């Protein structure tokens, strides 16, 4: 907890399943913390036009008040960091940024990007095990299984506020 109370999410349109599910998770997390959901802080980025221009328009909207941004992927998060620098916002003291996926962009951005690590390799291993089991057992009537792989928040400089106790 770094103290952000007005957290925006940059997501995808609802027809993109990953973005829709991450938006649901964002809403649940706010509710669990007792933070009122502000629909104006839920921004759907359309991949059919310039991502940077859309995110810039969102971030330059002076009617919005937010101190944190969760981006559903690294590209959106990297754009937030770039635009925040152009606006002379101090990350993380004025704006905290967290993205999904823990790839190269996260560790090489400046400041380094805090991420929600989904453990892609573990997901792949479990999916392969389930597929092989289904093929080997040849039971076409067997119910599909769902496995949930927990995520981890990796704190880096983009959300690591200097707090004085």
N, C-alpha and C. Protein backbone atom coordinates (compact mmCIF):
# COMPACT_ATOMS: atom_id res chain seq x y z
N UNK A 1 0.85 -1.18 0.00
CA UNK A 1 0.00 0.00 0.00
C UNK A 1 0.88 1.23 0.00
N UNK A 2 0.79 2.02 -1.07
CA UNK A 2 1.60 3.23 -1.16
C UNK A 2 0.76 4.48 -0.97
N UNK A 3 -0.49 4.31 -0.58
CA UNK A 3 -1.32 5.44 -0.22
C UNK A 3 -2.13 6.05 -1.33
N UNK A 4 -2.17 5.48 -2.51
CA UNK A 4 -2.98 6.03 -3.61
C UNK A 4 -4.46 5.79 -3.31
N UNK A 5 -5.26 6.81 -3.51
CA UNK A 5 -6.70 6.72 -3.26
C UNK A 5 -7.52 6.89 -4.53
N UNK A 6 -6.97 7.58 -5.51
CA UNK A 6 -7.66 7.82 -6.78
C UNK A 6 -6.88 7.13 -7.88
N UNK A 7 -7.24 5.90 -8.14
CA UNK A 7 -6.47 5.06 -9.04
C UNK A 7 -7.24 4.86 -10.34
N UNK A 8 -6.60 5.22 -11.44
CA UNK A 8 -7.19 5.03 -12.76
C UNK A 8 -6.74 3.69 -13.32
N UNK A 9 -7.50 3.18 -14.27
CA UNK A 9 -7.09 1.99 -15.01
C UNK A 9 -7.16 2.29 -16.49
N UNK A 10 -6.12 1.91 -17.20
CA UNK A 10 -6.11 1.99 -18.65
C UNK A 10 -6.30 0.57 -19.14
N UNK A 11 -7.45 0.32 -19.74
CA UNK A 11 -7.82 -1.02 -20.14
C UNK A 11 -8.08 -1.08 -21.63
N UNK A 12 -8.59 -2.21 -22.07
CA UNK A 12 -8.97 -2.41 -23.46
C UNK A 12 -10.49 -2.34 -23.54
N UNK A 13 -11.04 -2.24 -24.74
CA UNK A 13 -12.50 -2.32 -24.85
C UNK A 13 -13.01 -3.64 -24.26
N UNK A 14 -14.27 -3.64 -23.83
CA UNK A 14 -14.81 -4.80 -23.14
C UNK A 14 -14.84 -6.08 -23.96
N UNK A 15 -14.80 -5.98 -25.29
CA UNK A 15 -14.82 -7.20 -26.09
C UNK A 15 -13.47 -7.94 -26.04
N UNK A 16 -12.45 -7.30 -25.50
CA UNK A 16 -11.16 -7.97 -25.30
C UNK A 16 -11.19 -8.57 -23.90
N UNK A 17 -11.25 -9.89 -23.84
CA UNK A 17 -11.49 -10.60 -22.59
C UNK A 17 -10.47 -10.26 -21.49
N UNK A 18 -9.20 -10.19 -21.83
CA UNK A 18 -8.16 -9.94 -20.83
C UNK A 18 -8.38 -8.59 -20.16
N UNK A 19 -8.62 -7.56 -20.95
CA UNK A 19 -8.85 -6.23 -20.38
C UNK A 19 -10.10 -6.18 -19.53
N UNK A 20 -11.16 -6.84 -20.01
CA UNK A 20 -12.42 -6.86 -19.25
C UNK A 20 -12.22 -7.53 -17.90
N UNK A 21 -11.51 -8.65 -17.88
CA UNK A 21 -11.28 -9.36 -16.61
C UNK A 21 -10.39 -8.55 -15.68
N UNK A 22 -9.40 -7.88 -16.21
CA UNK A 22 -8.53 -7.06 -15.37
C UNK A 22 -9.27 -5.86 -14.81
N UNK A 23 -10.20 -5.33 -15.57
CA UNK A 23 -11.03 -4.22 -15.08
C UNK A 23 -11.92 -4.70 -13.94
N UNK A 24 -12.46 -5.90 -14.06
CA UNK A 24 -13.26 -6.48 -12.97
C UNK A 24 -12.40 -6.63 -11.72
N UNK A 25 -11.18 -7.12 -11.89
CA UNK A 25 -10.26 -7.26 -10.75
C UNK A 25 -9.92 -5.93 -10.12
N UNK A 26 -9.73 -4.91 -10.94
CA UNK A 26 -9.46 -3.54 -10.47
C UNK A 26 -10.61 -3.06 -9.60
N UNK A 27 -11.84 -3.25 -10.08
CA UNK A 27 -13.02 -2.82 -9.32
C UNK A 27 -13.12 -3.56 -8.00
N UNK A 28 -12.89 -4.86 -8.04
CA UNK A 28 -12.94 -5.66 -6.79
C UNK A 28 -11.91 -5.18 -5.79
N UNK A 29 -10.70 -4.92 -6.27
CA UNK A 29 -9.63 -4.47 -5.37
C UNK A 29 -9.99 -3.14 -4.70
N UNK A 30 -10.57 -2.21 -5.47
CA UNK A 30 -10.98 -0.94 -4.89
C UNK A 30 -12.07 -1.15 -3.85
N UNK A 31 -13.05 -1.98 -4.19
CA UNK A 31 -14.15 -2.25 -3.25
C UNK A 31 -13.62 -2.86 -1.95
N UNK A 32 -12.68 -3.80 -2.08
CA UNK A 32 -12.12 -4.45 -0.89
C UNK A 32 -11.40 -3.45 0.01
N UNK A 33 -10.84 -2.41 -0.58
CA UNK A 33 -10.14 -1.37 0.19
C UNK A 33 -11.06 -0.24 0.62
N UNK A 34 -12.35 -0.35 0.27
CA UNK A 34 -13.31 0.68 0.65
C UNK A 34 -13.19 1.95 -0.17
N UNK A 35 -12.62 1.87 -1.36
CA UNK A 35 -12.45 3.03 -2.22
C UNK A 35 -13.61 3.05 -3.22
N UNK A 36 -14.27 4.18 -3.33
CA UNK A 36 -15.38 4.34 -4.26
C UNK A 36 -14.88 4.28 -5.70
N UNK A 37 -15.58 3.52 -6.52
CA UNK A 37 -15.21 3.39 -7.93
C UNK A 37 -15.69 4.63 -8.68
N UNK A 38 -14.76 5.28 -9.36
CA UNK A 38 -15.06 6.43 -10.19
C UNK A 38 -14.97 5.97 -11.65
N UNK A 39 -16.12 5.83 -12.30
CA UNK A 39 -16.16 5.33 -13.68
C UNK A 39 -15.35 6.22 -14.63
N UNK A 40 -15.17 7.49 -14.30
CA UNK A 40 -14.37 8.39 -15.15
C UNK A 40 -12.90 7.98 -15.18
N UNK A 41 -12.47 7.22 -14.18
CA UNK A 41 -11.07 6.79 -14.11
C UNK A 41 -10.85 5.43 -14.77
N UNK A 42 -11.88 4.90 -15.41
CA UNK A 42 -11.76 3.65 -16.18
C UNK A 42 -11.72 4.05 -17.64
N UNK A 43 -10.54 3.96 -18.24
CA UNK A 43 -10.35 4.43 -19.61
C UNK A 43 -10.07 3.25 -20.52
N UNK A 44 -10.86 3.12 -21.56
CA UNK A 44 -10.72 2.03 -22.53
C UNK A 44 -9.92 2.53 -23.72
N UNK A 45 -8.75 1.96 -23.92
CA UNK A 45 -7.87 2.33 -25.03
C UNK A 45 -8.27 1.50 -26.24
N UNK A 46 -8.53 2.17 -27.34
CA UNK A 46 -8.92 1.50 -28.58
C UNK A 46 -7.68 1.29 -29.44
N UNK A 47 -7.39 0.05 -29.77
CA UNK A 47 -6.18 -0.26 -30.54
C UNK A 47 -6.28 0.14 -32.02
N UNK A 48 -7.44 0.66 -32.45
CA UNK A 48 -7.60 1.05 -33.85
C UNK A 48 -7.06 2.45 -34.14
N UNK A 49 -6.71 3.19 -33.09
CA UNK A 49 -6.10 4.50 -33.31
C UNK A 49 -4.89 4.64 -32.38
N UNK A 50 -4.22 5.76 -32.47
CA UNK A 50 -2.96 5.94 -31.74
C UNK A 50 -3.13 5.77 -30.22
N UNK A 51 -2.45 4.77 -29.70
CA UNK A 51 -2.49 4.49 -28.26
C UNK A 51 -1.93 5.67 -27.48
N UNK A 52 -0.81 6.19 -27.94
CA UNK A 52 -0.15 7.30 -27.25
C UNK A 52 -1.05 8.53 -27.21
N UNK A 53 -1.71 8.85 -28.32
CA UNK A 53 -2.59 10.02 -28.35
C UNK A 53 -3.77 9.85 -27.40
N UNK A 54 -4.35 8.64 -27.35
CA UNK A 54 -5.49 8.40 -26.46
C UNK A 54 -5.09 8.52 -24.99
N UNK A 55 -3.96 7.92 -24.65
CA UNK A 55 -3.49 7.96 -23.26
C UNK A 55 -3.12 9.40 -22.89
N UNK A 56 -2.51 10.11 -23.83
CA UNK A 56 -2.15 11.51 -23.59
C UNK A 56 -3.40 12.36 -23.34
N UNK A 57 -4.45 12.14 -24.15
CA UNK A 57 -5.70 12.90 -23.97
C UNK A 57 -6.29 12.61 -22.60
N UNK A 58 -6.26 11.35 -22.18
CA UNK A 58 -6.76 10.98 -20.86
C UNK A 58 -5.97 11.69 -19.77
N UNK A 59 -4.63 11.63 -19.89
CA UNK A 59 -3.78 12.21 -18.84
C UNK A 59 -3.80 13.73 -18.83
N UNK A 60 -4.16 14.36 -19.94
CA UNK A 60 -4.23 15.82 -19.99
C UNK A 60 -5.63 16.35 -19.67
N UNK A 61 -6.56 15.45 -19.34
CA UNK A 61 -7.91 15.86 -18.96
C UNK A 61 -7.85 16.43 -17.55
N UNK A 62 -7.96 17.74 -17.44
CA UNK A 62 -7.77 18.42 -16.15
C UNK A 62 -8.94 18.18 -15.18
N UNK A 63 -10.03 17.61 -15.66
CA UNK A 63 -11.16 17.34 -14.76
C UNK A 63 -10.95 16.05 -13.96
N UNK A 64 -9.98 15.25 -14.36
CA UNK A 64 -9.72 13.98 -13.67
C UNK A 64 -8.68 14.17 -12.58
N UNK A 65 -8.92 13.55 -11.45
CA UNK A 65 -8.00 13.63 -10.33
C UNK A 65 -7.58 12.21 -9.95
N UNK A 66 -6.35 11.84 -10.23
CA UNK A 66 -5.86 10.50 -9.90
C UNK A 66 -4.40 10.59 -9.47
N UNK A 67 -4.03 9.68 -8.58
CA UNK A 67 -2.64 9.65 -8.10
C UNK A 67 -1.96 8.31 -8.40
N UNK A 68 -2.69 7.43 -9.07
CA UNK A 68 -2.13 6.14 -9.46
C UNK A 68 -2.78 5.66 -10.74
N UNK A 69 -2.02 4.90 -11.51
CA UNK A 69 -2.54 4.32 -12.75
C UNK A 69 -2.14 2.85 -12.80
N UNK A 70 -3.14 2.01 -13.08
CA UNK A 70 -2.89 0.60 -13.37
C UNK A 70 -3.14 0.44 -14.85
N UNK A 71 -2.17 -0.09 -15.57
CA UNK A 71 -2.30 -0.30 -17.01
C UNK A 71 -2.37 -1.81 -17.26
N UNK A 72 -3.26 -2.22 -18.17
CA UNK A 72 -3.46 -3.65 -18.37
C UNK A 72 -2.32 -4.32 -19.16
N UNK A 73 -1.34 -3.54 -19.59
CA UNK A 73 -0.16 -4.13 -20.23
C UNK A 73 1.02 -3.17 -20.10
N UNK A 74 2.18 -3.67 -20.47
CA UNK A 74 3.40 -2.86 -20.33
C UNK A 74 3.43 -1.68 -21.28
N UNK A 75 2.88 -1.84 -22.48
CA UNK A 75 2.90 -0.76 -23.47
C UNK A 75 2.12 0.45 -22.95
N UNK A 76 0.93 0.20 -22.42
CA UNK A 76 0.14 1.30 -21.87
C UNK A 76 0.89 1.96 -20.71
N UNK A 77 1.48 1.15 -19.84
CA UNK A 77 2.20 1.68 -18.68
C UNK A 77 3.41 2.50 -19.10
N UNK A 78 4.15 2.02 -20.11
CA UNK A 78 5.31 2.77 -20.60
C UNK A 78 4.87 4.12 -21.18
N UNK A 79 3.73 4.14 -21.85
CA UNK A 79 3.18 5.39 -22.36
C UNK A 79 2.83 6.34 -21.23
N UNK A 80 2.25 5.81 -20.16
CA UNK A 80 1.91 6.65 -19.00
C UNK A 80 3.17 7.30 -18.44
N UNK A 81 4.23 6.52 -18.27
CA UNK A 81 5.48 7.06 -17.73
C UNK A 81 6.03 8.15 -18.65
N UNK A 82 6.04 7.90 -19.96
CA UNK A 82 6.54 8.88 -20.93
C UNK A 82 5.74 10.18 -20.86
N UNK A 83 4.42 10.07 -20.86
CA UNK A 83 3.57 11.26 -20.85
C UNK A 83 3.67 11.99 -19.51
N UNK A 84 3.77 11.23 -18.42
CA UNK A 84 3.94 11.85 -17.10
C UNK A 84 5.21 12.69 -17.05
N UNK A 85 6.28 12.17 -17.64
CA UNK A 85 7.54 12.94 -17.68
C UNK A 85 7.36 14.22 -18.48
N UNK A 86 6.64 14.13 -19.61
CA UNK A 86 6.39 15.32 -20.43
C UNK A 86 5.58 16.35 -19.65
N UNK A 87 4.71 15.89 -18.75
CA UNK A 87 3.90 16.79 -17.92
C UNK A 87 4.65 17.22 -16.65
N UNK A 88 5.90 16.81 -16.52
CA UNK A 88 6.73 17.10 -15.35
C UNK A 88 6.15 16.54 -14.05
N UNK A 89 5.44 15.43 -14.16
CA UNK A 89 4.96 14.74 -12.96
C UNK A 89 6.09 13.87 -12.40
N UNK A 90 6.26 13.90 -11.10
CA UNK A 90 7.28 13.10 -10.45
C UNK A 90 6.72 11.71 -10.14
N UNK A 91 7.34 10.70 -10.73
CA UNK A 91 6.95 9.32 -10.47
C UNK A 91 7.93 8.77 -9.45
N UNK A 92 7.49 8.21 -8.37
CA UNK A 92 6.15 7.87 -7.93
C UNK A 92 5.51 8.89 -6.98
N UNK A 93 6.21 9.97 -6.65
CA UNK A 93 5.70 10.87 -5.61
C UNK A 93 4.40 11.56 -5.99
N UNK A 94 4.22 11.89 -7.26
CA UNK A 94 2.97 12.51 -7.70
C UNK A 94 2.05 11.53 -8.43
N UNK A 95 2.63 10.50 -9.03
CA UNK A 95 1.85 9.51 -9.77
C UNK A 95 2.55 8.16 -9.70
N UNK A 96 1.84 7.17 -9.18
CA UNK A 96 2.35 5.80 -9.15
C UNK A 96 1.82 5.07 -10.38
N UNK A 97 2.66 4.20 -10.95
CA UNK A 97 2.28 3.47 -12.17
C UNK A 97 2.59 1.99 -11.97
N UNK A 98 1.59 1.15 -12.31
CA UNK A 98 1.75 -0.30 -12.26
C UNK A 98 1.20 -0.88 -13.55
N UNK A 99 1.92 -1.85 -14.11
CA UNK A 99 1.46 -2.50 -15.34
C UNK A 99 1.34 -4.00 -15.16
N UNK A 100 0.69 -4.63 -16.10
CA UNK A 100 0.61 -6.09 -16.11
C UNK A 100 1.72 -6.64 -16.98
N UNK A 101 2.13 -7.81 -16.69
CA UNK A 101 3.19 -8.58 -17.34
C UNK A 101 4.53 -8.07 -16.84
N UNK A 102 5.44 -8.96 -16.74
CA UNK A 102 6.75 -8.59 -16.22
C UNK A 102 7.80 -8.89 -17.27
N UNK A 103 7.81 -8.07 -18.31
CA UNK A 103 8.74 -8.28 -19.41
C UNK A 103 9.89 -7.28 -19.39
N UNK A 104 10.56 -7.19 -20.52
CA UNK A 104 11.74 -6.32 -20.62
C UNK A 104 11.40 -4.85 -20.45
N UNK A 105 10.25 -4.43 -20.95
CA UNK A 105 9.89 -3.01 -20.85
C UNK A 105 9.86 -2.59 -19.38
N UNK A 106 9.35 -3.45 -18.53
CA UNK A 106 9.21 -3.11 -17.10
C UNK A 106 10.54 -2.84 -16.43
N UNK A 107 11.50 -3.69 -16.68
CA UNK A 107 12.78 -3.51 -15.98
C UNK A 107 13.67 -2.46 -16.63
N UNK A 108 13.44 -2.15 -17.92
CA UNK A 108 14.30 -1.19 -18.59
C UNK A 108 13.69 0.20 -18.73
N UNK A 109 12.43 0.38 -18.31
CA UNK A 109 11.85 1.72 -18.36
C UNK A 109 12.47 2.57 -17.25
N UNK A 110 12.34 3.88 -17.38
CA UNK A 110 12.87 4.78 -16.37
C UNK A 110 11.77 5.70 -15.89
N UNK A 111 11.37 5.60 -14.63
CA UNK A 111 11.82 4.63 -13.63
C UNK A 111 11.32 3.23 -13.95
N UNK A 112 11.96 2.25 -13.33
CA UNK A 112 11.56 0.87 -13.58
C UNK A 112 10.11 0.68 -13.16
N UNK A 113 9.39 -0.13 -13.91
CA UNK A 113 7.94 -0.25 -13.78
C UNK A 113 7.54 -1.36 -12.81
N UNK A 114 6.72 -1.01 -11.83
CA UNK A 114 6.11 -2.02 -10.97
C UNK A 114 5.12 -2.80 -11.81
N UNK A 115 5.07 -4.12 -11.58
CA UNK A 115 4.21 -4.95 -12.43
C UNK A 115 3.46 -6.00 -11.62
N UNK A 116 2.41 -6.49 -12.26
CA UNK A 116 1.69 -7.64 -11.74
C UNK A 116 2.16 -8.81 -12.58
N UNK A 117 2.94 -9.69 -11.96
CA UNK A 117 3.52 -10.83 -12.66
C UNK A 117 2.52 -11.97 -12.68
N UNK A 118 2.20 -12.43 -13.88
CA UNK A 118 1.20 -13.47 -14.05
C UNK A 118 1.79 -14.88 -14.10
N UNK A 119 3.08 -15.00 -14.07
CA UNK A 119 3.75 -16.30 -14.09
C UNK A 119 3.39 -17.09 -15.34
N UNK A 120 3.69 -16.52 -16.50
CA UNK A 120 3.36 -17.12 -17.79
C UNK A 120 3.91 -18.53 -17.97
N UNK A 121 5.12 -18.78 -17.51
CA UNK A 121 5.71 -20.11 -17.66
C UNK A 121 4.90 -21.13 -16.87
N UNK A 122 4.53 -20.78 -15.65
CA UNK A 122 3.72 -21.68 -14.82
C UNK A 122 2.37 -21.94 -15.46
N UNK A 123 1.75 -20.90 -16.01
CA UNK A 123 0.47 -21.06 -16.70
C UNK A 123 0.64 -22.04 -17.87
N UNK A 124 1.69 -21.87 -18.64
CA UNK A 124 1.96 -22.76 -19.77
C UNK A 124 2.17 -24.21 -19.34
N UNK A 125 2.91 -24.40 -18.25
CA UNK A 125 3.14 -25.75 -17.74
C UNK A 125 1.83 -26.43 -17.33
N UNK A 126 1.00 -25.70 -16.60
CA UNK A 126 -0.29 -26.26 -16.16
C UNK A 126 -1.19 -26.56 -17.35
N UNK A 127 -1.21 -25.66 -18.33
CA UNK A 127 -2.05 -25.86 -19.52
C UNK A 127 -1.59 -27.11 -20.27
N UNK A 128 -0.27 -27.29 -20.40
CA UNK A 128 0.26 -28.47 -21.09
C UNK A 128 -0.10 -29.75 -20.35
N UNK A 129 0.00 -29.72 -19.02
CA UNK A 129 -0.37 -30.90 -18.22
C UNK A 129 -1.84 -31.26 -18.42
N UNK A 130 -2.71 -30.27 -18.37
CA UNK A 130 -4.14 -30.52 -18.56
C UNK A 130 -4.44 -31.06 -19.95
N UNK A 131 -3.78 -30.50 -20.96
CA UNK A 131 -3.98 -30.95 -22.33
C UNK A 131 -3.50 -32.39 -22.51
N UNK A 132 -2.31 -32.68 -22.01
CA UNK A 132 -1.78 -34.05 -22.13
C UNK A 132 -2.67 -35.05 -21.40
N UNK A 133 -3.15 -34.69 -20.24
CA UNK A 133 -4.04 -35.58 -19.50
C UNK A 133 -5.31 -35.84 -20.29
N UNK A 134 -5.84 -34.82 -20.91
CA UNK A 134 -7.07 -34.96 -21.71
C UNK A 134 -6.83 -35.86 -22.92
N UNK A 135 -5.68 -35.68 -23.59
CA UNK A 135 -5.35 -36.49 -24.77
C UNK A 135 -5.12 -37.95 -24.37
N UNK A 136 -4.37 -38.16 -23.29
CA UNK A 136 -4.04 -39.52 -22.87
C UNK A 136 -5.26 -40.29 -22.39
N UNK A 137 -6.18 -39.62 -21.72
CA UNK A 137 -7.36 -40.31 -21.18
C UNK A 137 -8.47 -40.46 -22.22
N UNK A 138 -8.40 -39.72 -23.29
CA UNK A 138 -9.37 -39.81 -24.40
C UNK A 138 -10.82 -39.78 -23.94
N UNK A 139 -11.08 -39.06 -22.87
CA UNK A 139 -12.44 -38.96 -22.34
C UNK A 139 -13.04 -37.64 -22.81
N UNK A 140 -13.81 -37.69 -23.90
CA UNK A 140 -14.35 -36.46 -24.46
C UNK A 140 -15.48 -35.87 -23.61
N UNK A 141 -16.01 -36.65 -22.69
CA UNK A 141 -17.09 -36.17 -21.83
C UNK A 141 -16.57 -35.58 -20.53
N UNK A 142 -15.26 -35.64 -20.32
CA UNK A 142 -14.67 -35.12 -19.08
C UNK A 142 -14.86 -33.61 -19.01
N UNK A 143 -15.25 -33.13 -17.83
CA UNK A 143 -15.43 -31.70 -17.61
C UNK A 143 -14.09 -30.96 -17.81
N UNK A 144 -14.19 -29.76 -18.34
CA UNK A 144 -12.99 -28.94 -18.44
C UNK A 144 -12.60 -28.48 -17.05
N UNK A 145 -11.31 -28.37 -16.83
CA UNK A 145 -10.81 -27.94 -15.53
C UNK A 145 -10.33 -26.49 -15.64
N UNK A 146 -10.47 -25.79 -14.55
CA UNK A 146 -9.97 -24.43 -14.46
C UNK A 146 -8.97 -24.39 -13.32
N UNK A 147 -7.78 -23.90 -13.61
CA UNK A 147 -6.77 -23.71 -12.57
C UNK A 147 -6.47 -22.23 -12.47
N UNK A 148 -6.37 -21.76 -11.25
CA UNK A 148 -6.07 -20.36 -11.02
C UNK A 148 -4.62 -20.27 -10.53
N UNK A 149 -3.85 -19.48 -11.23
CA UNK A 149 -2.45 -19.25 -10.86
C UNK A 149 -2.38 -17.86 -10.24
N UNK A 150 -1.94 -17.79 -9.00
CA UNK A 150 -1.87 -16.50 -8.30
C UNK A 150 -0.83 -15.59 -8.94
N UNK A 151 -1.11 -14.31 -8.89
CA UNK A 151 -0.18 -13.31 -9.40
C UNK A 151 0.65 -12.75 -8.24
N UNK A 152 1.69 -12.05 -8.58
CA UNK A 152 2.52 -11.37 -7.58
C UNK A 152 2.74 -9.93 -8.03
N UNK A 153 2.70 -9.02 -7.08
CA UNK A 153 3.01 -7.62 -7.36
C UNK A 153 4.52 -7.43 -7.16
N UNK A 154 5.17 -6.99 -8.20
CA UNK A 154 6.61 -6.72 -8.13
C UNK A 154 6.78 -5.20 -8.05
N UNK A 155 7.21 -4.75 -6.89
CA UNK A 155 7.37 -3.31 -6.64
C UNK A 155 8.72 -2.85 -7.18
N UNK A 156 8.65 -1.87 -8.06
CA UNK A 156 9.86 -1.22 -8.57
C UNK A 156 9.69 0.28 -8.37
N UNK A 157 10.54 1.05 -8.96
CA UNK A 157 10.59 2.50 -8.70
C UNK A 157 9.33 3.27 -9.07
N UNK A 158 8.51 2.77 -10.00
CA UNK A 158 7.35 3.54 -10.46
C UNK A 158 6.24 3.63 -9.43
N UNK A 159 6.32 2.85 -8.35
CA UNK A 159 5.30 2.96 -7.30
C UNK A 159 5.89 2.92 -5.90
N UNK A 160 7.17 3.05 -5.82
CA UNK A 160 7.87 2.94 -4.54
C UNK A 160 8.09 4.33 -3.95
N UNK A 161 7.08 4.80 -3.24
CA UNK A 161 7.17 6.15 -2.66
C UNK A 161 8.12 6.15 -1.47
N UNK A 162 8.78 7.28 -1.31
CA UNK A 162 9.65 7.45 -0.14
C UNK A 162 8.76 7.90 1.02
N UNK A 163 8.48 6.99 1.92
CA UNK A 163 7.62 7.32 3.05
C UNK A 163 8.46 7.54 4.29
N UNK A 164 8.09 8.53 5.05
CA UNK A 164 8.78 8.82 6.31
C UNK A 164 7.86 8.39 7.44
N UNK A 165 8.37 7.53 8.32
CA UNK A 165 7.57 7.04 9.45
C UNK A 165 7.87 7.81 10.70
